[in-house]
Every structure is written in C-alpha cells, then in structure tokens.
Amino acid sequence: MRTLDIGVVDDHNLYVKGFALLLKNISEAYRINIVIESNSEKDFISKLSNAKPDLVFLDLNLENSDGLDLIRIIKQNDPSIKVIIVSMLKDAKLVRNAFKSGADGYLSKDTTVKDLKNAIEHVVDNNEIYFGEGIEAVSKKSTFVDRANESNLNRFNAKFKLTNRELEIMHMIIEGMTNKEIAQKVFIAEDTVKVHRKNMMKKLKAKNVVMLIKVAKDYNIIL
C-alpha cells in the first residue's frame, strides 16, 4: 500500500486535528501520513523546509493571508506537490484565482466524504483538476477565455489548428465540465465528445487537463 504524505492548513486548530483524523480513516488505497499540521501561512512555510507532503489540503481564509500566495509558494517550492483547497468560500472568481495560482482541486467545507475521496483519486491518481460538488469556476458570463483579446486566440489557432468544435470542447473542459455534460450542452453523443477530446488533446500534446490548462495559460487565452 502506497504511503501518502499530507499537509493540512487551516486557521482553526480543532478543524485541522479533526480533518487529519478523518483522512486517516477514509482511505483504503493509501496509508495516510500527516506530515504537517498548521494554522497559518508562516507556520506552514517553516515546516515545509523539514517535510515534503505529496498533497496539501488548504483553507483560503487564513490569518493575515488569503491562501492564494501560499499556493504559489508551495508550487514554487516543489511543483509536484498537489494542493486541494477546502473552503467555505465558493465565489466563482475566487475559485478561478485559486486554480490560476496553481491549485489542483477545490472542495467546499460542507462536502461529502465521497467527494473528498473523489478529489484525492482525481488529483493524486489521475493527475487531474478536480471541482468538488457545488463548486463552479465560471459565472453566467464567459470568464475563462478572454474573447476580447482575439489576437491571442488567433495565435493559438494558427499554432494548433483546432476545429471550431474542438475549441468549443476545450473551453468546456477548462470550465470543469465532464464529457456527459458537454454532450448534453452541445447536443451530440458522448462518444463523439470523446473523439473530439482525444483529437484536440493530441493536437495540443496535452496528456491531461493540467497540461491543457498550462497550454491555454501559455497562450494567454485564460483570464
């Protein structure tokens, strides 16, 4: 059984202790080892020099910090460390900023144990971005892709030569939609979505959603 070293950061000490205990008892695929328990950004950074977690669960509402800078610090320290946000804050703009800062997943504090397990599986096992139940990164207005800056989009298309359908599906994948949700939205079969997705990812040389988002960021088509 693989050991998964985990850090937990929240400004409430009892929550940290309780969440750490929960993690130790829910996983059947991993031997959970809590290597960092912290109540502040400063304390976590000091402990990070002596421990290397595989995964960090982070609240954004920390004392003297919104947590976003800590995401960036963690990723700069070691890009392989996964970061899942666990927060009561579900504002779409904040969720987007968390992912732009480098977060790998986002959960609400009122989520279920099943959702927590799914988050670990997607982020750690599959190297995927994970949006928890009730978490949205897109408001009613299109916010991921900056349609005002057509030059970036044109440069992107000139490089990768995506079809209109592939580009549309790429946008929806970045927004966190599943193949089934995409199929329902654009009125095509789910298998057809899978084909478009496979072709699009091949053109972008992206093995997963994380790499897809990186390409989009590199070409400045993500806000």
C-alpha atoms as a PDB file:
ATOM      1  CA  MET A   1       0.000   0.000   0.000  1.00  0.00           C
ATOM      2  CA  ARG A   2       1.378   3.368  -1.019  1.00  0.00           C
ATOM      3  CA  THR A   3       2.039   5.976   1.666  1.00  0.00           C
ATOM      4  CA  LEU A   4       0.560   9.401   1.020  1.00  0.00           C
ATOM      5  CA  ASP A   5       2.187  12.237   2.974  1.00  0.00           C
ATOM      6  CA  ILE A   6      -0.310  15.019   3.622  1.00  0.00           C
ATOM      7  CA  GLY A   7      -0.265  18.569   4.964  1.00  0.00           C
ATOM      8  CA  VAL A   8      -3.345  20.267   6.421  1.00  0.00           C
ATOM      9  CA  VAL A   9      -3.545  24.067   6.752  1.00  0.00           C
ATOM     10  CA  ASP A  10      -6.464  25.832   8.438  1.00  0.00           C
ATOM     11  CA  ASP A  11      -6.677  28.660  10.943  1.00  0.00           C
ATOM     12  CA  HIS A  12      -8.859  26.579  13.292  1.00  0.00           C
ATOM     13  CA  ASN A  13      -6.783  24.077  15.253  1.00  0.00           C
ATOM     14  CA  LEU A  14      -9.676  21.718  16.038  1.00  0.00           C
ATOM     15  CA  TYR A  15     -10.583  21.573  12.358  1.00  0.00           C
ATOM     16  CA  VAL A  16      -7.001  20.655  11.467  1.00  0.00           C
ATOM     17  CA  LYS A  17      -6.986  17.853  14.053  1.00  0.00           C
ATOM     18  CA  GLY A  18     -10.419  16.591  13.019  1.00  0.00           C
ATOM     19  CA  PHE A  19      -9.683  16.706   9.304  1.00  0.00           C
ATOM     20  CA  ALA A  20      -6.368  14.923   9.780  1.00  0.00           C
ATOM     21  CA  LEU A  21      -8.157  12.170  11.728  1.00  0.00           C
ATOM     22  CA  LEU A  22     -10.812  11.887   9.010  1.00  0.00           C
ATOM     23  CA  LEU A  23      -8.173  11.487   6.300  1.00  0.00           C
ATOM     24  CA  LYS A  24      -6.503   8.663   8.186  1.00  0.00           C
ATOM     25  CA  ASN A  25      -9.774   6.766   8.383  1.00  0.00           C
ATOM     26  CA  ILE A  26     -11.303   7.196   4.924  1.00  0.00           C
ATOM     27  CA  SER A  27      -8.592   5.983   2.598  1.00  0.00           C
ATOM     28  CA  GLU A  28      -8.495   2.365   1.515  1.00  0.00           C
ATOM     29  CA  ALA A  29      -5.940   2.926  -1.243  1.00  0.00           C
ATOM     30  CA  TYR A  30      -3.290   4.756   0.787  1.00  0.00           C
ATOM     31  CA  ARG A  31      -1.530   4.662   4.099  1.00  0.00           C
ATOM     32  CA  ILE A  32      -2.133   8.272   5.184  1.00  0.00           C
ATOM     33  CA  ASN A  33       0.725  10.016   6.953  1.00  0.00           C
ATOM     34  CA  ILE A  34       0.044  13.556   8.197  1.00  0.00           C
ATOM     35  CA  VAL A  35       3.426  15.295   7.961  1.00  0.00           C
ATOM     36  CA  ILE A  36       2.318  18.908   8.502  1.00  0.00           C
ATOM     37  CA  GLU A  37      -0.481  20.362  10.625  1.00  0.00           C
ATOM     38  CA  SER A  38      -0.534  24.132  10.527  1.00  0.00           C
ATOM     39  CA  ASN A  39      -2.723  27.114  11.424  1.00  0.00           C
ATOM     40  CA  SER A  40      -1.006  29.829   9.403  1.00  0.00           C
ATOM     41  CA  GLU A  41       0.918  30.504   6.215  1.00  0.00           C
ATOM     42  CA  LYS A  42       4.073  31.433   8.132  1.00  0.00           C
ATOM     43  CA  ASP A  43       3.981  28.288  10.260  1.00  0.00           C
ATOM     44  CA  PHE A  44       3.362  26.044   7.243  1.00  0.00           C
ATOM     45  CA  ILE A  45       6.277  27.540   5.294  1.00  0.00           C
ATOM     46  CA  SER A  46       8.611  26.971   8.232  1.00  0.00           C
ATOM     47  CA  LYS A  47       7.516  23.328   8.487  1.00  0.00           C
ATOM     48  CA  LEU A  48       7.755  22.806   4.732  1.00  0.00           C
ATOM     49  CA  SER A  49      11.540  23.020   4.954  1.00  0.00           C
ATOM     50  CA  ASN A  50      11.581  19.812   7.026  1.00  0.00           C
ATOM     51  CA  ALA A  51       8.788  17.840   5.372  1.00  0.00           C
ATOM     52  CA  LYS A  52       7.679  17.142   1.832  1.00  0.00           C
ATOM     53  CA  PRO A  53       3.964  16.369   1.543  1.00  0.00           C
ATOM     54  CA  ASP A  54       2.550  14.740  -1.571  1.00  0.00           C
ATOM     55  CA  LEU A  55      -0.718  16.585  -1.050  1.00  0.00           C
ATOM     56  CA  VAL A  56      -1.762  19.689   0.875  1.00  0.00           C
ATOM     57  CA  PHE A  57      -5.327  20.500   1.956  1.00  0.00           C
ATOM     58  CA  LEU A  58      -5.515  24.273   2.314  1.00  0.00           C
ATOM     59  CA  ASP A  59      -8.137  26.711   3.571  1.00  0.00           C
ATOM     60  CA  LEU A  60      -8.067  30.120   1.850  1.00  0.00           C
ATOM     61  CA  ASN A  61      -9.257  32.071   4.866  1.00  0.00           C
ATOM     62  CA  LEU A  62      -6.041  32.165   6.907  1.00  0.00           C
ATOM     63  CA  GLU A  63      -4.919  34.748   9.430  1.00  0.00           C
ATOM     64  CA  ASN A  64      -3.075  37.550   7.591  1.00  0.00           C
ATOM     65  CA  SER A  65      -3.384  35.666   4.290  1.00  0.00           C
ATOM     66  CA  ASP A  66      -5.991  34.658   1.712  1.00  0.00           C
ATOM     67  CA  GLY A  67      -4.105  31.433   0.971  1.00  0.00           C
ATOM     68  CA  LEU A  68      -3.517  32.241  -2.700  1.00  0.00           C
ATOM     69  CA  ASP A  69       0.079  33.289  -2.113  1.00  0.00           C
ATOM     70  CA  LEU A  70       0.678  30.078  -0.197  1.00  0.00           C
ATOM     71  CA  ILE A  71      -0.472  28.025  -3.196  1.00  0.00           C
ATOM     72  CA  ARG A  72       2.136  29.787  -5.318  1.00  0.00           C
ATOM     73  CA  ILE A  73       4.835  29.313  -2.664  1.00  0.00           C
ATOM     74  CA  ILE A  74       4.085  25.593  -2.419  1.00  0.00           C
ATOM     75  CA  LYS A  75       4.245  25.168  -6.204  1.00  0.00           C
ATOM     76  CA  GLN A  76       7.453  27.202  -6.466  1.00  0.00           C
ATOM     77  CA  ASN A  77       8.988  25.077  -3.721  1.00  0.00           C
ATOM     78  CA  ASP A  78       8.005  21.840  -5.443  1.00  0.00           C
ATOM     79  CA  PRO A  79       5.608  21.717  -8.435  1.00  0.00           C
ATOM     80  CA  SER A  80       4.926  18.036  -7.776  1.00  0.00           C
ATOM     81  CA  ILE A  81       3.083  18.821  -4.517  1.00  0.00           C
ATOM     82  CA  LYS A  82      -0.681  18.692  -5.106  1.00  0.00           C
ATOM     83  CA  VAL A  83      -2.892  21.332  -3.494  1.00  0.00           C
ATOM     84  CA  ILE A  84      -6.609  20.895  -2.808  1.00  0.00           C
ATOM     85  CA  ILE A  85      -8.497  23.893  -1.442  1.00  0.00           C
ATOM     86  CA  VAL A  86     -11.080  23.166   1.272  1.00  0.00           C
ATOM     87  CA  SER A  87     -13.074  26.317   1.961  1.00  0.00           C
ATOM     88  CA  MET A  88     -16.489  27.719   2.839  1.00  0.00           C
ATOM     89  CA  LEU A  89     -15.881  30.314   0.123  1.00  0.00           C
ATOM     90  CA  LYS A  90     -17.357  29.271  -3.231  1.00  0.00           C
ATOM     91  CA  ASP A  91     -17.311  32.519  -5.204  1.00  0.00           C
ATOM     92  CA  ALA A  92     -16.540  31.745  -8.867  1.00  0.00           C
ATOM     93  CA  LYS A  93     -13.882  34.447  -9.102  1.00  0.00           C
ATOM     94  CA  LEU A  94     -12.072  33.130  -6.034  1.00  0.00           C
ATOM     95  CA  VAL A  95     -12.219  29.581  -7.390  1.00  0.00           C
ATOM     96  CA  ARG A  96     -10.706  30.751 -10.682  1.00  0.00           C
ATOM     97  CA  ASN A  97      -7.974  32.649  -8.869  1.00  0.00           C
ATOM     98  CA  ALA A  98      -7.153  29.561  -6.813  1.00  0.00           C
ATOM     99  CA  PHE A  99      -6.666  27.475  -9.950  1.00  0.00           C
ATOM    100  CA  LYS A 100      -4.719  30.266 -11.635  1.00  0.00           C
ATOM    101  CA  SER A 101      -2.437  30.291  -8.581  1.00  0.00           C
ATOM    102  CA  GLY A 102      -1.778  26.581  -9.048  1.00  0.00           C
ATOM    103  CA  ALA A 103      -4.462  24.698  -7.090  1.00  0.00           C
ATOM    104  CA  ASP A 104      -5.224  21.168  -8.280  1.00  0.00           C
ATOM    105  CA  GLY A 105      -8.645  20.821  -6.681  1.00  0.00           C
ATOM    106  CA  TYR A 106     -11.330  22.785  -4.840  1.00  0.00           C
ATOM    107  CA  LEU A 107     -13.779  21.437  -2.248  1.00  0.00           C
ATOM    108  CA  SER A 108     -16.425  23.064  -0.117  1.00  0.00           C
ATOM    109  CA  LYS A 109     -16.167  22.507   3.634  1.00  0.00           C
ATOM    110  CA  ASP A 110     -19.694  21.115   3.577  1.00  0.00           C
ATOM    111  CA  THR A 111     -18.734  18.441   1.053  1.00  0.00           C
ATOM    112  CA  THR A 112     -19.249  14.701   1.483  1.00  0.00           C
ATOM    113  CA  VAL A 113     -16.695  12.026   2.319  1.00  0.00           C
ATOM    114  CA  LYS A 114     -17.373  10.533  -1.120  1.00  0.00           C
ATOM    115  CA  ASP A 115     -16.468  13.857  -2.766  1.00  0.00           C
ATOM    116  CA  LEU A 116     -13.296  14.049  -0.678  1.00  0.00           C
ATOM    117  CA  LYS A 117     -12.288  10.563  -1.824  1.00  0.00           C
ATOM    118  CA  ASN A 118     -13.035  11.501  -5.430  1.00  0.00           C
ATOM    119  CA  ALA A 119     -10.865  14.593  -5.108  1.00  0.00           C
ATOM    120  CA  ILE A 120      -7.886  12.572  -3.884  1.00  0.00           C
ATOM    121  CA  GLU A 121      -8.375  10.000  -6.643  1.00  0.00           C
ATOM    122  CA  HIS A 122      -8.605  12.588  -9.435  1.00  0.00           C
ATOM    123  CA  VAL A 123      -5.790  14.809  -8.213  1.00  0.00           C
ATOM    124  CA  VAL A 124      -3.299  12.220  -6.939  1.00  0.00           C
ATOM    125  CA  ASP A 125      -4.014   9.124  -9.011  1.00  0.00           C
ATOM    126  CA  ASN A 126      -5.135  10.670 -12.298  1.00  0.00           C
ATOM    127  CA  ASN A 127      -3.214  13.961 -12.177  1.00  0.00           C
ATOM    128  CA  GLU A 128      -6.444  15.833 -12.983  1.00  0.00           C
ATOM    129  CA  ILE A 129      -8.027  19.089 -11.902  1.00  0.00           C
ATOM    130  CA  TYR A 130     -11.000  18.469  -9.585  1.00  0.00           C
ATOM    131  CA  PHE A 131     -14.042  20.634  -8.921  1.00  0.00           C
ATOM    132  CA  GLY A 132     -15.971  19.456  -5.857  1.00  0.00           C
ATOM    133  CA  GLU A 133     -19.730  19.271  -5.515  1.00  0.00           C
ATOM    134  CA  GLY A 134     -21.271  22.735  -5.797  1.00  0.00           C
ATOM    135  CA  ILE A 135     -18.016  24.363  -6.925  1.00  0.00           C
ATOM    136  CA  GLU A 136     -18.096  26.438 -10.096  1.00  0.00           C
ATOM    137  CA  ALA A 137     -15.272  28.423 -11.644  1.00  0.00           C
ATOM    138  CA  VAL A 138     -17.408  30.050 -14.300  1.00  0.00           C
ATOM    139  CA  SER A 139     -20.135  32.620 -13.820  1.00  0.00           C
ATOM    140  CA  LYS A 140     -23.020  33.136 -16.266  1.00  0.00           C
ATOM    141  CA  LYS A 141     -20.724  35.275 -18.309  1.00  0.00           C
ATOM    142  CA  SER A 142     -17.834  33.521 -20.078  1.00  0.00           C
ATOM    143  CA  THR A 143     -14.827  34.236 -17.910  1.00  0.00           C
ATOM    144  CA  PHE A 144     -12.185  31.628 -18.646  1.00  0.00           C
ATOM    145  CA  VAL A 145     -11.494  32.624 -22.223  1.00  0.00           C
ATOM    146  CA  ASP A 146     -10.906  36.285 -22.947  1.00  0.00           C
ATOM    147  CA  ARG A 147     -12.907  36.798 -26.111  1.00  0.00           C
ATOM    148  CA  ALA A 148     -11.963  40.489 -26.103  1.00  0.00           C
ATOM    149  CA  ASN A 149      -8.390  39.562 -26.980  1.00  0.00           C
ATOM    150  CA  GLU A 150      -8.902  37.890 -30.337  1.00  0.00           C
ATOM    151  CA  SER A 151      -5.212  38.149 -31.224  1.00  0.00           C
ATOM    152  CA  ASN A 152      -4.286  35.589 -28.540  1.00  0.00           C
ATOM    153  CA  LEU A 153      -6.981  33.223 -29.751  1.00  0.00           C
ATOM    154  CA  ASN A 154      -5.921  33.665 -33.380  1.00  0.00           C
ATOM    155  CA  ARG A 155      -2.285  32.956 -32.473  1.00  0.00           C
ATOM    156  CA  PHE A 156      -3.395  29.848 -30.585  1.00  0.00           C
ATOM    157  CA  ASN A 157      -5.486  28.574 -33.508  1.00  0.00           C
ATOM    158  CA  ALA A 158      -2.739  29.291 -36.026  1.00  0.00           C
ATOM    159  CA  LYS A 159      -0.381  27.143 -33.980  1.00  0.00           C
ATOM    160  CA  PHE A 160      -2.622  24.174 -33.173  1.00  0.00           C
ATOM    161  CA  LYS A 161      -5.277  24.304 -35.931  1.00  0.00           C
ATOM    162  CA  LEU A 162      -8.198  23.223 -33.759  1.00  0.00           C
ATOM    163  CA  THR A 163     -11.609  22.912 -35.372  1.00  0.00           C
ATOM    164  CA  ASN A 164     -14.412  25.116 -34.028  1.00  0.00           C
ATOM    165  CA  ARG A 165     -15.920  22.096 -32.276  1.00  0.00           C
ATOM    166  CA  GLU A 166     -12.583  21.122 -30.704  1.00  0.00           C
ATOM    167  CA  LEU A 167     -12.080  24.675 -29.498  1.00  0.00           C
ATOM    168  CA  GLU A 168     -15.580  24.726 -28.031  1.00  0.00           C
ATOM    169  CA  ILE A 169     -14.981  21.448 -26.222  1.00  0.00           C
ATOM    170  CA  MET A 170     -11.611  22.680 -24.955  1.00  0.00           C
ATOM    171  CA  HIS A 171     -13.328  25.701 -23.386  1.00  0.00           C
ATOM    172  CA  MET A 172     -15.862  23.473 -21.640  1.00  0.00           C
ATOM    173  CA  ILE A 173     -13.194  21.082 -20.351  1.00  0.00           C
ATOM    174  CA  ILE A 174     -11.302  24.035 -18.860  1.00  0.00           C
ATOM    175  CA  GLU A 175     -14.569  25.110 -17.242  1.00  0.00           C
ATOM    176  CA  GLY A 176     -14.634  21.729 -15.484  1.00  0.00           C
ATOM    177  CA  MET A 177     -17.404  20.040 -17.481  1.00  0.00           C
ATOM    178  CA  THR A 178     -17.500  16.256 -17.930  1.00  0.00           C
ATOM    179  CA  ASN A 179     -17.883  14.507 -21.294  1.00  0.00           C
ATOM    180  CA  LYS A 180     -21.522  13.780 -20.443  1.00  0.00           C
ATOM    181  CA  GLU A 181     -22.239  17.416 -19.551  1.00  0.00           C
ATOM    182  CA  ILE A 182     -20.566  18.616 -22.753  1.00  0.00           C
ATOM    183  CA  ALA A 183     -22.592  16.164 -24.835  1.00  0.00           C
ATOM    184  CA  GLN A 184     -25.819  17.389 -23.285  1.00  0.00           C
ATOM    185  CA  LYS A 185     -24.923  21.029 -23.779  1.00  0.00           C
ATOM    186  CA  VAL A 186     -23.970  20.814 -27.469  1.00  0.00           C
ATOM    187  CA  PHE A 187     -26.457  18.027 -28.348  1.00  0.00           C
ATOM    188  CA  ILE A 188     -24.026  15.394 -29.574  1.00  0.00           C
ATOM    189  CA  ALA A 189     -23.277  11.846 -28.427  1.00  0.00           C
ATOM    190  CA  GLU A 190     -20.903  11.369 -25.510  1.00  0.00           C
ATOM    191  CA  ASP A 191     -18.745   9.073 -27.681  1.00  0.00           C
ATOM    192  CA  THR A 192     -18.455  11.918 -30.210  1.00  0.00           C
ATOM    193  CA  VAL A 193     -17.274  14.229 -27.446  1.00  0.00           C
ATOM    194  CA  LYS A 194     -14.614  11.657 -26.529  1.00  0.00           C
ATOM    195  CA  VAL A 195     -13.375  11.570 -30.125  1.00  0.00           C
ATOM    196  CA  HIS A 196     -13.184  15.375 -30.363  1.00  0.00           C
ATOM    197  CA  ARG A 197     -11.494  15.496 -26.964  1.00  0.00           C
ATOM    198  CA  LYS A 198      -8.907  12.888 -27.965  1.00  0.00           C
ATOM    199  CA  ASN A 199      -8.111  14.698 -31.233  1.00  0.00           C
ATOM    200  CA  MET A 200      -7.895  18.080 -29.502  1.00  0.00           C
ATOM    201  CA  MET A 201      -5.600  16.804 -26.745  1.00  0.00           C
ATOM    202  CA  LYS A 202      -3.382  15.127 -29.354  1.00  0.00           C
ATOM    203  CA  LYS A 203      -3.014  18.377 -31.309  1.00  0.00           C
ATOM    204  CA  LEU A 204      -2.101  20.236 -28.115  1.00  0.00           C
ATOM    205  CA  LYS A 205       0.187  17.397 -26.958  1.00  0.00           C
ATOM    206  CA  ALA A 206      -1.621  17.525 -23.629  1.00  0.00           C
ATOM    207  CA  LYS A 207      -1.808  14.237 -21.705  1.00  0.00           C
ATOM    208  CA  ASN A 208      -4.284  15.543 -19.136  1.00  0.00           C
ATOM    209  CA  VAL A 209      -6.366  18.560 -18.113  1.00  0.00           C
ATOM    210  CA  VAL A 210      -3.497  20.059 -16.116  1.00  0.00           C
ATOM    211  CA  MET A 211      -1.340  20.187 -19.242  1.00  0.00           C
ATOM    212  CA  LEU A 212      -4.293  21.510 -21.260  1.00  0.00           C
ATOM    213  CA  ILE A 213      -4.734  24.427 -18.865  1.00  0.00           C
ATOM    214  CA  LYS A 214      -0.986  25.101 -18.978  1.00  0.00           C
ATOM    215  CA  VAL A 215      -1.087  25.385 -22.784  1.00  0.00           C
ATOM    216  CA  ALA A 216      -4.062  27.743 -22.546  1.00  0.00           C
ATOM    217  CA  LYS A 217      -2.201  29.857 -19.995  1.00  0.00           C
ATOM    218  CA  ASP A 218       0.941  29.930 -22.123  1.00  0.00           C
ATOM    219  CA  TYR A 219      -1.069  31.429 -24.970  1.00  0.00           C
ATOM    220  CA  ASN A 220      -2.936  33.846 -22.668  1.00  0.00           C
ATOM    221  CA  ILE A 221      -6.400  32.610 -23.522  1.00  0.00           C
ATOM    222  CA  ILE A 222      -7.304  32.080 -19.859  1.00  0.00           C
ATOM    223  CA  LEU A 223      -8.282  35.122 -17.824  1.00  0.00           C
END
